[in-house]
Amino acid sequence: MPHDPEFVAETRAWLGRAEKDLRAADVLRRAQPPLLDDALYHCQQSVEKALKGFLAWHGRTFRKTHNLSELGQGALEAAPDLADIVHRAASLTAYAWRFRYPGEPEPASPGEVEVALAQAREVLDAILARLPDEVRRGL
């Protein structure tokens, strides 16, 4: 039986943006010179949007937040088996603001970006694996 087209469309919209953020992070890390700070921001954004898409699919409301721990808790109510992945990715929360404003934060390292990219990809893949084909199709 097909799912509600509105849920499918909303979920696909969130996950499509999550995928674009992940692609942007990869492009930015390979730029010459690399834009590592911006790549980390997009890793955080990818996880945030993937979690929001998963919450939307399950009809759970969420407030406007960048806090991956908070969003992850909501996702765990629907899929407790995501706990390890969600807890590891929560560390990406700080990238929502760490490099976005003037100041003197310690610069990002290539290794930091590699870890963040792997975590973001793991979250997106895990969420996609828990959704029906009609949501995943074309992403």
N, C-alpha and C. Protein backbone atom coordinates (compact mmCIF):
# COMPACT_ATOMS: atom_id res chain seq x y z
N MET A 1 0.84 -1.17 0.00
CA MET A 1 0.00 0.00 0.00
C MET A 1 0.89 1.25 0.00
N PRO A 2 0.61 2.20 -0.88
CA PRO A 2 1.43 3.42 -0.92
C PRO A 2 1.26 4.25 0.36
N HIS A 3 2.30 4.98 0.68
CA HIS A 3 2.28 5.84 1.85
C HIS A 3 1.67 7.20 1.49
N ASP A 4 1.32 7.95 2.51
CA ASP A 4 0.77 9.28 2.33
C ASP A 4 1.74 10.13 1.50
N PRO A 5 1.30 10.64 0.35
CA PRO A 5 2.20 11.41 -0.52
C PRO A 5 2.81 12.64 0.15
N GLU A 6 2.08 13.24 1.09
CA GLU A 6 2.62 14.40 1.80
C GLU A 6 3.81 14.01 2.68
N PHE A 7 3.69 12.87 3.38
CA PHE A 7 4.81 12.41 4.20
C PHE A 7 6.01 12.05 3.32
N VAL A 8 5.73 11.40 2.20
CA VAL A 8 6.81 11.03 1.29
C VAL A 8 7.51 12.29 0.78
N ALA A 9 6.75 13.28 0.34
CA ALA A 9 7.33 14.50 -0.23
C ALA A 9 8.13 15.28 0.82
N GLU A 10 7.58 15.43 2.01
CA GLU A 10 8.30 16.17 3.04
C GLU A 10 9.59 15.46 3.44
N THR A 11 9.51 14.16 3.61
CA THR A 11 10.69 13.40 4.00
C THR A 11 11.74 13.46 2.91
N ARG A 12 11.33 13.30 1.67
CA ARG A 12 12.27 13.37 0.54
C ARG A 12 12.93 14.74 0.45
N ALA A 13 12.17 15.80 0.75
CA ALA A 13 12.72 17.15 0.70
C ALA A 13 13.84 17.31 1.73
N TRP A 14 13.60 16.85 2.97
CA TRP A 14 14.63 16.92 4.00
C TRP A 14 15.85 16.09 3.61
N LEU A 15 15.62 14.87 3.16
CA LEU A 15 16.73 13.97 2.85
C LEU A 15 17.50 14.42 1.61
N GLY A 16 16.79 15.01 0.66
CA GLY A 16 17.48 15.56 -0.52
C GLY A 16 18.43 16.68 -0.13
N ARG A 17 17.99 17.52 0.80
CA ARG A 17 18.87 18.59 1.28
C ARG A 17 20.03 18.02 2.10
N ALA A 18 19.76 16.98 2.86
CA ALA A 18 20.84 16.34 3.62
C ALA A 18 21.90 15.80 2.67
N GLU A 19 21.47 15.17 1.59
CA GLU A 19 22.40 14.64 0.60
C GLU A 19 23.20 15.76 -0.06
N LYS A 20 22.56 16.88 -0.38
CA LYS A 20 23.26 18.02 -0.99
C LYS A 20 24.30 18.59 -0.03
N ASP A 21 23.96 18.68 1.25
CA ASP A 21 24.93 19.19 2.22
C ASP A 21 26.14 18.25 2.31
N LEU A 22 25.89 16.97 2.25
CA LEU A 22 27.00 16.01 2.30
C LEU A 22 27.89 16.15 1.06
N ARG A 23 27.28 16.32 -0.10
CA ARG A 23 28.05 16.53 -1.33
C ARG A 23 28.83 17.84 -1.25
N ALA A 24 28.21 18.89 -0.71
CA ALA A 24 28.90 20.17 -0.58
C ALA A 24 30.12 20.03 0.33
N ALA A 25 29.98 19.31 1.43
CA ALA A 25 31.10 19.10 2.34
C ALA A 25 32.26 18.43 1.61
N ASP A 26 31.95 17.45 0.80
CA ASP A 26 33.00 16.73 0.07
C ASP A 26 33.69 17.64 -0.94
N VAL A 27 32.92 18.45 -1.64
CA VAL A 27 33.50 19.39 -2.61
C VAL A 27 34.38 20.41 -1.90
N LEU A 28 33.91 20.94 -0.80
CA LEU A 28 34.66 21.97 -0.07
C LEU A 28 35.96 21.43 0.51
N ARG A 29 35.98 20.18 0.94
CA ARG A 29 37.22 19.63 1.49
C ARG A 29 38.26 19.40 0.40
N ARG A 30 37.80 19.23 -0.85
CA ARG A 30 38.72 18.99 -1.96
C ARG A 30 39.06 20.26 -2.73
N ALA A 31 38.44 21.38 -2.37
CA ALA A 31 38.71 22.65 -3.05
C ALA A 31 40.18 23.03 -2.86
N GLN A 32 40.68 23.87 -3.74
CA GLN A 32 42.06 24.36 -3.62
C GLN A 32 42.04 25.86 -3.44
N PRO A 33 42.36 26.36 -2.29
CA PRO A 33 42.68 25.62 -1.08
C PRO A 33 41.41 25.04 -0.45
N PRO A 34 41.56 24.01 0.37
CA PRO A 34 40.39 23.40 1.00
C PRO A 34 39.66 24.38 1.92
N LEU A 35 38.35 24.27 1.95
CA LEU A 35 37.51 25.09 2.81
C LEU A 35 36.98 24.19 3.92
N LEU A 36 37.87 23.82 4.82
CA LEU A 36 37.57 22.82 5.84
C LEU A 36 36.49 23.28 6.82
N ASP A 37 36.55 24.55 7.22
CA ASP A 37 35.54 25.06 8.16
C ASP A 37 34.14 24.92 7.57
N ASP A 38 34.01 25.30 6.31
CA ASP A 38 32.71 25.22 5.65
C ASP A 38 32.28 23.78 5.43
N ALA A 39 33.25 22.91 5.17
CA ALA A 39 32.93 21.49 5.01
C ALA A 39 32.33 20.92 6.30
N LEU A 40 32.89 21.31 7.44
CA LEU A 40 32.36 20.83 8.72
C LEU A 40 30.95 21.35 8.96
N TYR A 41 30.69 22.58 8.61
CA TYR A 41 29.35 23.14 8.74
C TYR A 41 28.35 22.29 7.95
N HIS A 42 28.70 21.94 6.73
CA HIS A 42 27.79 21.16 5.90
C HIS A 42 27.62 19.72 6.39
N CYS A 43 28.62 19.18 7.06
CA CYS A 43 28.46 17.86 7.68
C CYS A 43 27.39 17.94 8.77
N GLN A 44 27.47 18.96 9.61
CA GLN A 44 26.48 19.13 10.66
C GLN A 44 25.10 19.32 10.05
N GLN A 45 25.01 20.13 9.01
CA GLN A 45 23.74 20.39 8.38
C GLN A 45 23.14 19.12 7.77
N SER A 46 23.98 18.28 7.21
CA SER A 46 23.50 17.03 6.63
C SER A 46 22.85 16.15 7.69
N VAL A 47 23.51 16.01 8.83
CA VAL A 47 22.96 15.18 9.91
C VAL A 47 21.67 15.81 10.43
N GLU A 48 21.68 17.11 10.63
CA GLU A 48 20.48 17.80 11.13
C GLU A 48 19.28 17.55 10.21
N LYS A 49 19.48 17.70 8.92
CA LYS A 49 18.38 17.55 7.97
C LYS A 49 17.96 16.09 7.82
N ALA A 50 18.91 15.18 7.91
CA ALA A 50 18.55 13.75 7.86
C ALA A 50 17.68 13.38 9.06
N LEU A 51 18.06 13.86 10.24
CA LEU A 51 17.27 13.57 11.44
C LEU A 51 15.90 14.22 11.36
N LYS A 52 15.82 15.44 10.87
CA LYS A 52 14.53 16.11 10.74
C LYS A 52 13.65 15.39 9.73
N GLY A 53 14.23 14.89 8.66
CA GLY A 53 13.46 14.10 7.70
C GLY A 53 12.91 12.83 8.31
N PHE A 54 13.74 12.17 9.11
CA PHE A 54 13.31 10.94 9.79
C PHE A 54 12.19 11.24 10.78
N LEU A 55 12.32 12.33 11.51
CA LEU A 55 11.27 12.73 12.45
C LEU A 55 9.98 13.08 11.70
N ALA A 56 10.11 13.78 10.60
CA ALA A 56 8.93 14.13 9.80
C ALA A 56 8.22 12.87 9.31
N TRP A 57 9.00 11.89 8.86
CA TRP A 57 8.42 10.63 8.38
C TRP A 57 7.59 9.96 9.47
N HIS A 58 8.07 10.04 10.68
CA HIS A 58 7.38 9.40 11.80
C HIS A 58 6.35 10.31 12.47
N GLY A 59 6.07 11.45 11.84
CA GLY A 59 5.04 12.35 12.35
C GLY A 59 5.39 13.02 13.67
N ARG A 60 6.68 13.11 13.93
CA ARG A 60 7.11 13.75 15.19
C ARG A 60 7.46 15.21 14.93
N THR A 61 6.97 16.07 15.79
CA THR A 61 7.29 17.48 15.65
C THR A 61 8.66 17.75 16.26
N PHE A 62 9.28 18.81 15.79
CA PHE A 62 10.58 19.22 16.32
C PHE A 62 10.66 20.73 16.20
N ARG A 63 11.39 21.30 17.13
CA ARG A 63 11.53 22.75 17.10
C ARG A 63 12.70 23.13 16.20
N LYS A 64 12.80 24.41 15.89
CA LYS A 64 13.92 24.89 15.09
C LYS A 64 15.16 24.85 15.98
N THR A 65 16.03 23.92 15.69
CA THR A 65 17.25 23.75 16.48
C THR A 65 18.33 23.14 15.61
N HIS A 66 19.57 23.40 16.02
CA HIS A 66 20.73 22.76 15.38
C HIS A 66 21.28 21.66 16.28
N ASN A 67 20.66 21.45 17.43
CA ASN A 67 21.16 20.51 18.43
C ASN A 67 20.90 19.07 17.99
N LEU A 68 21.96 18.39 17.60
CA LEU A 68 21.81 17.02 17.10
C LEU A 68 21.47 16.03 18.19
N SER A 69 21.84 16.31 19.43
CA SER A 69 21.44 15.44 20.54
C SER A 69 19.93 15.48 20.72
N GLU A 70 19.37 16.67 20.69
CA GLU A 70 17.93 16.81 20.84
C GLU A 70 17.18 16.13 19.70
N LEU A 71 17.61 16.38 18.49
CA LEU A 71 16.95 15.76 17.33
C LEU A 71 17.15 14.24 17.36
N GLY A 72 18.33 13.82 17.77
CA GLY A 72 18.62 12.40 17.84
C GLY A 72 17.74 11.69 18.86
N GLN A 73 17.46 12.34 19.98
CA GLN A 73 16.58 11.74 20.98
C GLN A 73 15.21 11.45 20.38
N GLY A 74 14.70 12.39 19.61
CA GLY A 74 13.42 12.16 18.94
C GLY A 74 13.48 10.99 17.98
N ALA A 75 14.58 10.88 17.26
CA ALA A 75 14.73 9.78 16.31
C ALA A 75 14.81 8.44 17.03
N LEU A 76 15.43 8.43 18.20
CA LEU A 76 15.57 7.18 18.95
C LEU A 76 14.24 6.66 19.46
N GLU A 77 13.28 7.53 19.63
CA GLU A 77 11.95 7.07 20.01
C GLU A 77 11.33 6.21 18.92
N ALA A 78 11.67 6.52 17.67
CA ALA A 78 11.15 5.74 16.54
C ALA A 78 12.04 4.56 16.19
N ALA A 79 13.34 4.70 16.43
CA ALA A 79 14.29 3.66 16.05
C ALA A 79 15.41 3.59 17.09
N PRO A 80 15.17 2.90 18.20
CA PRO A 80 16.18 2.82 19.26
C PRO A 80 17.52 2.23 18.80
N ASP A 81 17.49 1.44 17.74
CA ASP A 81 18.72 0.83 17.25
C ASP A 81 19.68 1.84 16.61
N LEU A 82 19.26 3.09 16.45
CA LEU A 82 20.13 4.13 15.92
C LEU A 82 21.02 4.76 17.00
N ALA A 83 20.88 4.31 18.24
CA ALA A 83 21.51 4.98 19.38
C ALA A 83 23.01 5.23 19.18
N ASP A 84 23.76 4.24 18.81
CA ASP A 84 25.21 4.40 18.71
C ASP A 84 25.58 5.43 17.65
N ILE A 85 24.94 5.35 16.51
CA ILE A 85 25.22 6.28 15.40
C ILE A 85 24.84 7.70 15.79
N VAL A 86 23.67 7.85 16.38
CA VAL A 86 23.17 9.18 16.75
C VAL A 86 24.05 9.80 17.83
N HIS A 87 24.45 9.02 18.81
CA HIS A 87 25.28 9.55 19.89
C HIS A 87 26.65 10.01 19.37
N ARG A 88 27.23 9.24 18.46
CA ARG A 88 28.53 9.65 17.89
C ARG A 88 28.40 10.92 17.07
N ALA A 89 27.33 11.04 16.32
CA ALA A 89 27.15 12.21 15.45
C ALA A 89 26.80 13.48 16.22
N ALA A 90 26.35 13.34 17.45
CA ALA A 90 25.98 14.52 18.25
C ALA A 90 27.15 15.49 18.40
N SER A 91 28.37 14.98 18.33
CA SER A 91 29.54 15.84 18.46
C SER A 91 29.65 16.85 17.32
N LEU A 92 28.93 16.63 16.24
CA LEU A 92 28.96 17.57 15.11
C LEU A 92 28.15 18.83 15.38
N THR A 93 27.36 18.85 16.44
CA THR A 93 26.50 19.99 16.74
C THR A 93 27.26 21.31 16.73
N ALA A 94 28.43 21.34 17.32
CA ALA A 94 29.20 22.59 17.43
C ALA A 94 29.55 23.20 16.08
N TYR A 95 29.59 22.40 15.04
CA TYR A 95 29.94 22.92 13.72
C TYR A 95 28.82 23.79 13.12
N ALA A 96 27.66 23.80 13.73
CA ALA A 96 26.58 24.67 13.26
C ALA A 96 26.94 26.13 13.47
N TRP A 97 27.83 26.40 14.43
CA TRP A 97 28.17 27.80 14.70
C TRP A 97 29.68 28.05 14.87
N ARG A 98 30.44 27.01 15.13
CA ARG A 98 31.85 27.20 15.51
C ARG A 98 32.64 28.07 14.53
N PHE A 99 32.44 27.90 13.24
CA PHE A 99 33.20 28.65 12.24
C PHE A 99 32.35 29.66 11.49
N ARG A 100 31.10 29.84 11.89
CA ARG A 100 30.18 30.66 11.13
C ARG A 100 30.27 32.15 11.45
N TYR A 101 30.93 32.51 12.52
CA TYR A 101 30.96 33.89 12.97
C TYR A 101 32.40 34.31 13.20
N PRO A 102 32.66 35.63 13.16
CA PRO A 102 34.02 36.09 13.40
C PRO A 102 34.53 35.66 14.77
N GLY A 103 35.79 35.52 14.85
CA GLY A 103 36.43 35.10 16.09
C GLY A 103 37.70 34.36 15.75
N GLU A 104 38.25 33.73 16.72
CA GLU A 104 39.52 33.04 16.53
C GLU A 104 39.42 31.56 16.91
N PRO A 105 38.47 30.81 16.35
CA PRO A 105 38.45 29.38 16.69
C PRO A 105 39.66 28.68 16.10
N GLU A 106 40.06 27.62 16.73
CA GLU A 106 41.15 26.82 16.19
C GLU A 106 40.73 26.31 14.82
N PRO A 107 41.60 26.42 13.81
CA PRO A 107 41.19 25.98 12.47
C PRO A 107 40.89 24.48 12.40
N ALA A 108 40.02 24.14 11.50
CA ALA A 108 39.67 22.73 11.27
C ALA A 108 40.86 22.02 10.62
N SER A 109 40.94 20.73 10.88
CA SER A 109 42.00 19.92 10.27
C SER A 109 41.39 18.97 9.24
N PRO A 110 42.18 18.53 8.28
CA PRO A 110 41.68 17.56 7.31
C PRO A 110 41.14 16.29 7.98
N GLY A 111 41.81 15.83 9.03
CA GLY A 111 41.35 14.64 9.73
C GLY A 111 40.00 14.84 10.39
N GLU A 112 39.80 16.02 10.94
CA GLU A 112 38.51 16.36 11.57
C GLU A 112 37.39 16.30 10.53
N VAL A 113 37.68 16.79 9.34
CA VAL A 113 36.69 16.77 8.26
C VAL A 113 36.40 15.34 7.81
N GLU A 114 37.42 14.52 7.72
CA GLU A 114 37.22 13.13 7.31
C GLU A 114 36.31 12.40 8.29
N VAL A 115 36.54 12.60 9.58
CA VAL A 115 35.71 11.96 10.60
C VAL A 115 34.27 12.47 10.50
N ALA A 116 34.10 13.78 10.36
CA ALA A 116 32.77 14.36 10.27
C ALA A 116 32.02 13.87 9.03
N LEU A 117 32.72 13.78 7.90
CA LEU A 117 32.10 13.27 6.68
C LEU A 117 31.65 11.82 6.87
N ALA A 118 32.47 11.02 7.47
CA ALA A 118 32.12 9.62 7.70
C ALA A 118 30.91 9.51 8.62
N GLN A 119 30.88 10.33 9.67
CA GLN A 119 29.74 10.29 10.59
C GLN A 119 28.46 10.74 9.89
N ALA A 120 28.54 11.81 9.11
CA ALA A 120 27.36 12.31 8.41
C ALA A 120 26.84 11.27 7.41
N ARG A 121 27.74 10.64 6.69
CA ARG A 121 27.35 9.61 5.72
C ARG A 121 26.71 8.43 6.45
N GLU A 122 27.26 8.05 7.58
CA GLU A 122 26.73 6.93 8.36
C GLU A 122 25.29 7.22 8.82
N VAL A 123 25.06 8.43 9.31
CA VAL A 123 23.71 8.81 9.76
C VAL A 123 22.75 8.78 8.59
N LEU A 124 23.10 9.42 7.48
CA LEU A 124 22.20 9.46 6.34
C LEU A 124 21.91 8.06 5.82
N ASP A 125 22.92 7.24 5.69
CA ASP A 125 22.71 5.87 5.20
C ASP A 125 21.83 5.06 6.14
N ALA A 126 22.04 5.22 7.45
CA ALA A 126 21.24 4.47 8.43
C ALA A 126 19.78 4.89 8.38
N ILE A 127 19.55 6.18 8.22
CA ILE A 127 18.17 6.67 8.13
C ILE A 127 17.52 6.20 6.84
N LEU A 128 18.23 6.31 5.74
CA LEU A 128 17.68 5.85 4.46
C LEU A 128 17.33 4.37 4.51
N ALA A 129 18.14 3.59 5.17
CA ALA A 129 17.90 2.14 5.27
C ALA A 129 16.62 1.82 6.03
N ARG A 130 16.14 2.76 6.83
CA ARG A 130 14.94 2.53 7.65
C ARG A 130 13.68 3.13 7.03
N LEU A 131 13.79 3.59 5.80
CA LEU A 131 12.65 4.20 5.12
C LEU A 131 12.27 3.38 3.89
N PRO A 132 11.02 3.47 3.47
CA PRO A 132 10.58 2.67 2.33
C PRO A 132 11.20 3.15 1.01
N ASP A 133 11.19 2.27 0.03
CA ASP A 133 11.78 2.55 -1.28
C ASP A 133 11.22 3.82 -1.90
N GLU A 134 9.94 4.07 -1.75
CA GLU A 134 9.36 5.25 -2.41
C GLU A 134 9.92 6.55 -1.85
N VAL A 135 10.44 6.54 -0.66
CA VAL A 135 11.09 7.73 -0.09
C VAL A 135 12.52 7.83 -0.61
N ARG A 136 13.21 6.71 -0.69
CA ARG A 136 14.62 6.69 -1.08
C ARG A 136 14.81 6.87 -2.58
N ARG A 137 13.85 6.53 -3.37
CA ARG A 137 13.97 6.53 -4.81
C ARG A 137 14.43 7.90 -5.33
N GLY A 138 15.52 7.89 -6.06
CA GLY A 138 16.01 9.12 -6.69
C GLY A 138 16.90 9.99 -5.83
N LEU A 139 17.16 9.60 -4.62
CA LEU A 139 18.03 10.42 -3.76
C LEU A 139 19.48 10.10 -4.02
